[in-house]
Amino acid sequence: MLIDHVVRHHVLHVTLHRDLDVTNRAAVALQIQALVQTHRPNRVVVAVPTADPTPATLSALARVDRMCASLGIPLVLSGASARTRRLLDVTGD
């Protein structure tokens, strides 16, 4: 399993258990998008496995960020370095 999730107080918390690669990045992005569409949270918090994720992980997060932005839902990265948050232009937790 690559991700876990929980919804608390209208906040979707997603945990990535390991960095992604090109074989699983799209599937993870689609899973997170489905969770957002199902739960319609006020905020999405994604806990990344490393402070500086792989390019494939960044790609999936960028896709999720674009979808969240289109819905007006803020995306927060937990465990990410300031550099990673700047790359995606998101806040940290």
N, C-alpha and C. Protein backbone atom coordinates (compact mmCIF):
# COMPACT_ATOMS: atom_id res chain seq x y z
N MET A 1 0.84 -1.17 0.00
CA MET A 1 0.00 0.00 0.00
C MET A 1 0.90 1.25 0.00
N LEU A 2 0.62 2.15 -0.92
CA LEU A 2 1.44 3.35 -1.04
C LEU A 2 0.94 4.51 -0.20
N ILE A 3 -0.38 4.57 0.04
CA ILE A 3 -0.93 5.67 0.83
C ILE A 3 -1.93 5.16 1.86
N ASP A 4 -2.09 5.94 2.89
CA ASP A 4 -3.17 5.79 3.87
C ASP A 4 -3.85 7.13 3.95
N HIS A 5 -5.07 7.12 4.41
CA HIS A 5 -5.76 8.39 4.60
C HIS A 5 -6.72 8.32 5.77
N VAL A 6 -7.03 9.49 6.30
CA VAL A 6 -8.03 9.65 7.34
C VAL A 6 -8.62 11.04 7.17
N VAL A 7 -9.90 11.16 7.48
CA VAL A 7 -10.56 12.47 7.44
C VAL A 7 -10.93 12.84 8.87
N ARG A 8 -10.41 13.98 9.32
CA ARG A 8 -10.71 14.49 10.66
C ARG A 8 -11.09 15.95 10.56
N HIS A 9 -12.26 16.29 11.09
CA HIS A 9 -12.71 17.68 11.14
C HIS A 9 -12.64 18.34 9.76
N HIS A 10 -13.12 17.64 8.74
CA HIS A 10 -13.17 18.15 7.36
C HIS A 10 -11.79 18.38 6.75
N VAL A 11 -10.78 17.72 7.31
CA VAL A 11 -9.42 17.79 6.74
C VAL A 11 -9.03 16.38 6.32
N LEU A 12 -8.63 16.24 5.06
CA LEU A 12 -8.16 14.97 4.53
C LEU A 12 -6.66 14.87 4.78
N HIS A 13 -6.25 13.88 5.55
CA HIS A 13 -4.83 13.63 5.84
C HIS A 13 -4.41 12.40 5.03
N VAL A 14 -3.43 12.59 4.17
CA VAL A 14 -2.91 11.51 3.33
C VAL A 14 -1.45 11.29 3.70
N THR A 15 -1.07 10.05 3.88
CA THR A 15 0.32 9.70 4.16
C THR A 15 0.88 8.89 3.00
N LEU A 16 1.96 9.39 2.40
CA LEU A 16 2.70 8.61 1.40
C LEU A 16 3.73 7.79 2.16
N HIS A 17 3.68 6.47 2.01
CA HIS A 17 4.58 5.60 2.76
C HIS A 17 5.99 5.52 2.19
N ARG A 18 6.12 5.81 0.91
CA ARG A 18 7.45 5.81 0.29
C ARG A 18 7.42 6.72 -0.92
N ASP A 19 8.60 7.09 -1.37
CA ASP A 19 8.68 7.91 -2.57
C ASP A 19 8.13 7.14 -3.76
N LEU A 20 7.59 7.87 -4.70
CA LEU A 20 6.99 7.27 -5.88
C LEU A 20 8.00 7.17 -7.01
N ASP A 21 7.68 6.34 -7.98
CA ASP A 21 8.47 6.27 -9.20
C ASP A 21 7.51 6.37 -10.38
N VAL A 22 8.02 6.28 -11.58
CA VAL A 22 7.17 6.48 -12.77
C VAL A 22 6.11 5.40 -12.92
N THR A 23 6.28 4.26 -12.28
CA THR A 23 5.29 3.19 -12.42
C THR A 23 4.07 3.38 -11.52
N ASN A 24 4.17 4.23 -10.50
CA ASN A 24 3.04 4.36 -9.59
C ASN A 24 2.59 5.80 -9.33
N ARG A 25 3.26 6.78 -9.90
CA ARG A 25 2.91 8.17 -9.60
C ARG A 25 1.50 8.54 -10.06
N ALA A 26 1.11 8.12 -11.25
CA ALA A 26 -0.23 8.47 -11.75
C ALA A 26 -1.32 7.80 -10.91
N ALA A 27 -1.09 6.55 -10.53
CA ALA A 27 -2.08 5.84 -9.72
C ALA A 27 -2.29 6.52 -8.37
N VAL A 28 -1.21 6.95 -7.75
CA VAL A 28 -1.32 7.64 -6.45
C VAL A 28 -2.02 8.97 -6.61
N ALA A 29 -1.68 9.72 -7.64
CA ALA A 29 -2.35 11.00 -7.88
C ALA A 29 -3.85 10.79 -8.08
N LEU A 30 -4.22 9.77 -8.83
CA LEU A 30 -5.64 9.47 -9.05
C LEU A 30 -6.33 9.04 -7.75
N GLN A 31 -5.64 8.27 -6.91
CA GLN A 31 -6.22 7.86 -5.63
C GLN A 31 -6.50 9.08 -4.76
N ILE A 32 -5.55 10.00 -4.69
CA ILE A 32 -5.74 11.20 -3.87
C ILE A 32 -6.84 12.06 -4.45
N GLN A 33 -6.88 12.20 -5.76
CA GLN A 33 -7.94 12.97 -6.39
C GLN A 33 -9.31 12.38 -6.09
N ALA A 34 -9.42 11.06 -6.13
CA ALA A 34 -10.69 10.40 -5.82
C ALA A 34 -11.09 10.65 -4.36
N LEU A 35 -10.12 10.63 -3.46
CA LEU A 35 -10.41 10.91 -2.05
C LEU A 35 -10.92 12.34 -1.88
N VAL A 36 -10.29 13.28 -2.56
CA VAL A 36 -10.72 14.68 -2.47
C VAL A 36 -12.13 14.83 -3.03
N GLN A 37 -12.40 14.23 -4.16
CA GLN A 37 -13.72 14.33 -4.76
C GLN A 37 -14.79 13.64 -3.92
N THR A 38 -14.44 12.57 -3.26
CA THR A 38 -15.39 11.85 -2.41
C THR A 38 -15.70 12.61 -1.13
N HIS A 39 -14.66 13.10 -0.46
CA HIS A 39 -14.83 13.71 0.87
C HIS A 39 -15.03 15.22 0.84
N ARG A 40 -14.63 15.89 -0.24
CA ARG A 40 -14.74 17.36 -0.34
C ARG A 40 -14.27 18.06 0.94
N PRO A 41 -13.01 17.84 1.30
CA PRO A 41 -12.49 18.42 2.55
C PRO A 41 -12.28 19.93 2.43
N ASN A 42 -12.09 20.57 3.58
CA ASN A 42 -11.75 21.99 3.61
C ASN A 42 -10.26 22.21 3.34
N ARG A 43 -9.47 21.15 3.58
CA ARG A 43 -8.02 21.23 3.41
C ARG A 43 -7.50 19.81 3.21
N VAL A 44 -6.40 19.70 2.48
CA VAL A 44 -5.73 18.41 2.27
C VAL A 44 -4.32 18.54 2.81
N VAL A 45 -3.94 17.60 3.68
CA VAL A 45 -2.59 17.56 4.23
C VAL A 45 -1.94 16.27 3.74
N VAL A 46 -0.82 16.39 3.05
CA VAL A 46 -0.10 15.22 2.55
C VAL A 46 1.22 15.13 3.30
N ALA A 47 1.43 14.02 3.99
CA ALA A 47 2.70 13.75 4.66
C ALA A 47 3.59 13.00 3.68
N VAL A 48 4.72 13.63 3.35
CA VAL A 48 5.64 13.01 2.39
C VAL A 48 6.68 12.18 3.14
N PRO A 49 7.23 11.15 2.48
CA PRO A 49 8.15 10.24 3.15
C PRO A 49 9.54 10.81 3.39
N THR A 50 9.93 11.80 2.60
CA THR A 50 11.26 12.41 2.76
C THR A 50 11.12 13.92 2.58
N ALA A 51 12.05 14.66 3.13
CA ALA A 51 12.00 16.11 3.02
C ALA A 51 12.15 16.58 1.57
N ASP A 52 12.91 15.83 0.78
CA ASP A 52 13.12 16.16 -0.63
C ASP A 52 12.70 14.96 -1.48
N PRO A 53 11.41 14.88 -1.82
CA PRO A 53 10.89 13.73 -2.55
C PRO A 53 11.48 13.59 -3.96
N THR A 54 11.31 12.40 -4.51
CA THR A 54 11.76 12.12 -5.87
C THR A 54 10.97 12.95 -6.88
N PRO A 55 11.51 13.10 -8.09
CA PRO A 55 10.77 13.82 -9.13
C PRO A 55 9.38 13.22 -9.40
N ALA A 56 9.26 11.91 -9.34
CA ALA A 56 7.96 11.28 -9.57
C ALA A 56 6.97 11.65 -8.46
N THR A 57 7.44 11.71 -7.23
CA THR A 57 6.58 12.12 -6.12
C THR A 57 6.17 13.58 -6.30
N LEU A 58 7.12 14.42 -6.67
CA LEU A 58 6.81 15.83 -6.92
C LEU A 58 5.79 15.98 -8.05
N SER A 59 5.91 15.16 -9.07
CA SER A 59 4.98 15.20 -10.19
C SER A 59 3.56 14.87 -9.72
N ALA A 60 3.42 13.83 -8.92
CA ALA A 60 2.10 13.44 -8.40
C ALA A 60 1.55 14.54 -7.50
N LEU A 61 2.40 15.12 -6.66
CA LEU A 61 1.95 16.20 -5.77
C LEU A 61 1.54 17.44 -6.57
N ALA A 62 2.25 17.74 -7.63
CA ALA A 62 1.89 18.89 -8.47
C ALA A 62 0.53 18.67 -9.10
N ARG A 63 0.26 17.46 -9.52
CA ARG A 63 -1.05 17.13 -10.12
C ARG A 63 -2.16 17.29 -9.09
N VAL A 64 -1.92 16.80 -7.88
CA VAL A 64 -2.90 16.95 -6.80
C VAL A 64 -3.08 18.42 -6.45
N ASP A 65 -2.00 19.16 -6.42
CA ASP A 65 -2.07 20.59 -6.10
C ASP A 65 -2.92 21.33 -7.13
N ARG A 66 -2.73 21.04 -8.40
CA ARG A 66 -3.53 21.71 -9.45
C ARG A 66 -5.02 21.39 -9.28
N MET A 67 -5.33 20.14 -8.97
CA MET A 67 -6.72 19.75 -8.79
C MET A 67 -7.31 20.44 -7.57
N CYS A 68 -6.57 20.45 -6.46
CA CYS A 68 -7.05 21.12 -5.24
C CYS A 68 -7.26 22.61 -5.50
N ALA A 69 -6.32 23.23 -6.18
CA ALA A 69 -6.44 24.67 -6.48
C ALA A 69 -7.68 24.94 -7.32
N SER A 70 -7.98 24.07 -8.26
CA SER A 70 -9.16 24.28 -9.10
C SER A 70 -10.45 24.17 -8.30
N LEU A 71 -10.40 23.46 -7.17
CA LEU A 71 -11.57 23.32 -6.30
C LEU A 71 -11.56 24.31 -5.14
N GLY A 72 -10.50 25.10 -5.04
CA GLY A 72 -10.39 26.06 -3.94
C GLY A 72 -10.06 25.41 -2.61
N ILE A 73 -9.39 24.26 -2.66
CA ILE A 73 -9.01 23.53 -1.45
C ILE A 73 -7.50 23.67 -1.24
N PRO A 74 -7.08 24.23 -0.10
CA PRO A 74 -5.64 24.37 0.14
C PRO A 74 -4.96 23.01 0.33
N LEU A 75 -3.74 22.91 -0.20
CA LEU A 75 -2.90 21.73 -0.02
C LEU A 75 -1.75 22.10 0.90
N VAL A 76 -1.51 21.26 1.89
CA VAL A 76 -0.41 21.47 2.84
C VAL A 76 0.48 20.23 2.79
N LEU A 77 1.80 20.45 2.76
CA LEU A 77 2.75 19.34 2.80
C LEU A 77 3.34 19.24 4.18
N SER A 78 3.31 18.06 4.74
CA SER A 78 3.89 17.79 6.04
C SER A 78 5.16 16.98 5.84
N GLY A 79 6.23 17.41 6.47
CA GLY A 79 7.50 16.69 6.36
C GLY A 79 8.35 17.10 5.18
N ALA A 80 7.88 18.05 4.40
CA ALA A 80 8.64 18.49 3.23
C ALA A 80 9.58 19.63 3.60
N SER A 81 10.67 19.69 2.90
CA SER A 81 11.62 20.80 3.11
C SER A 81 11.03 22.10 2.57
N ALA A 82 11.59 23.21 3.01
CA ALA A 82 11.16 24.51 2.50
C ALA A 82 11.35 24.58 0.99
N ARG A 83 12.42 24.00 0.51
CA ARG A 83 12.69 23.99 -0.94
C ARG A 83 11.59 23.26 -1.69
N THR A 84 11.16 22.12 -1.17
CA THR A 84 10.09 21.35 -1.81
C THR A 84 8.79 22.13 -1.80
N ARG A 85 8.47 22.77 -0.69
CA ARG A 85 7.24 23.56 -0.60
C ARG A 85 7.28 24.73 -1.59
N ARG A 86 8.47 25.34 -1.73
CA ARG A 86 8.59 26.45 -2.70
C ARG A 86 8.39 25.95 -4.13
N LEU A 87 8.95 24.77 -4.43
CA LEU A 87 8.78 24.21 -5.79
C LEU A 87 7.32 24.05 -6.14
N LEU A 88 6.53 23.61 -5.17
CA LEU A 88 5.11 23.39 -5.41
C LEU A 88 4.25 24.59 -5.03
N ASP A 89 4.87 25.59 -4.42
CA ASP A 89 4.16 26.79 -3.98
C ASP A 89 3.01 26.44 -3.04
N VAL A 90 3.31 25.59 -2.05
CA VAL A 90 2.33 25.21 -1.03
C VAL A 90 2.91 25.51 0.36
N THR A 91 2.03 25.49 1.35
CA THR A 91 2.47 25.74 2.71
C THR A 91 2.85 24.43 3.39
N GLY A 92 3.52 24.56 4.53
CA GLY A 92 3.91 23.39 5.31
C GLY A 92 3.12 23.31 6.59
N ASP A 93 3.13 22.14 7.15
CA ASP A 93 2.41 21.90 8.40
C ASP A 93 3.39 21.67 9.52
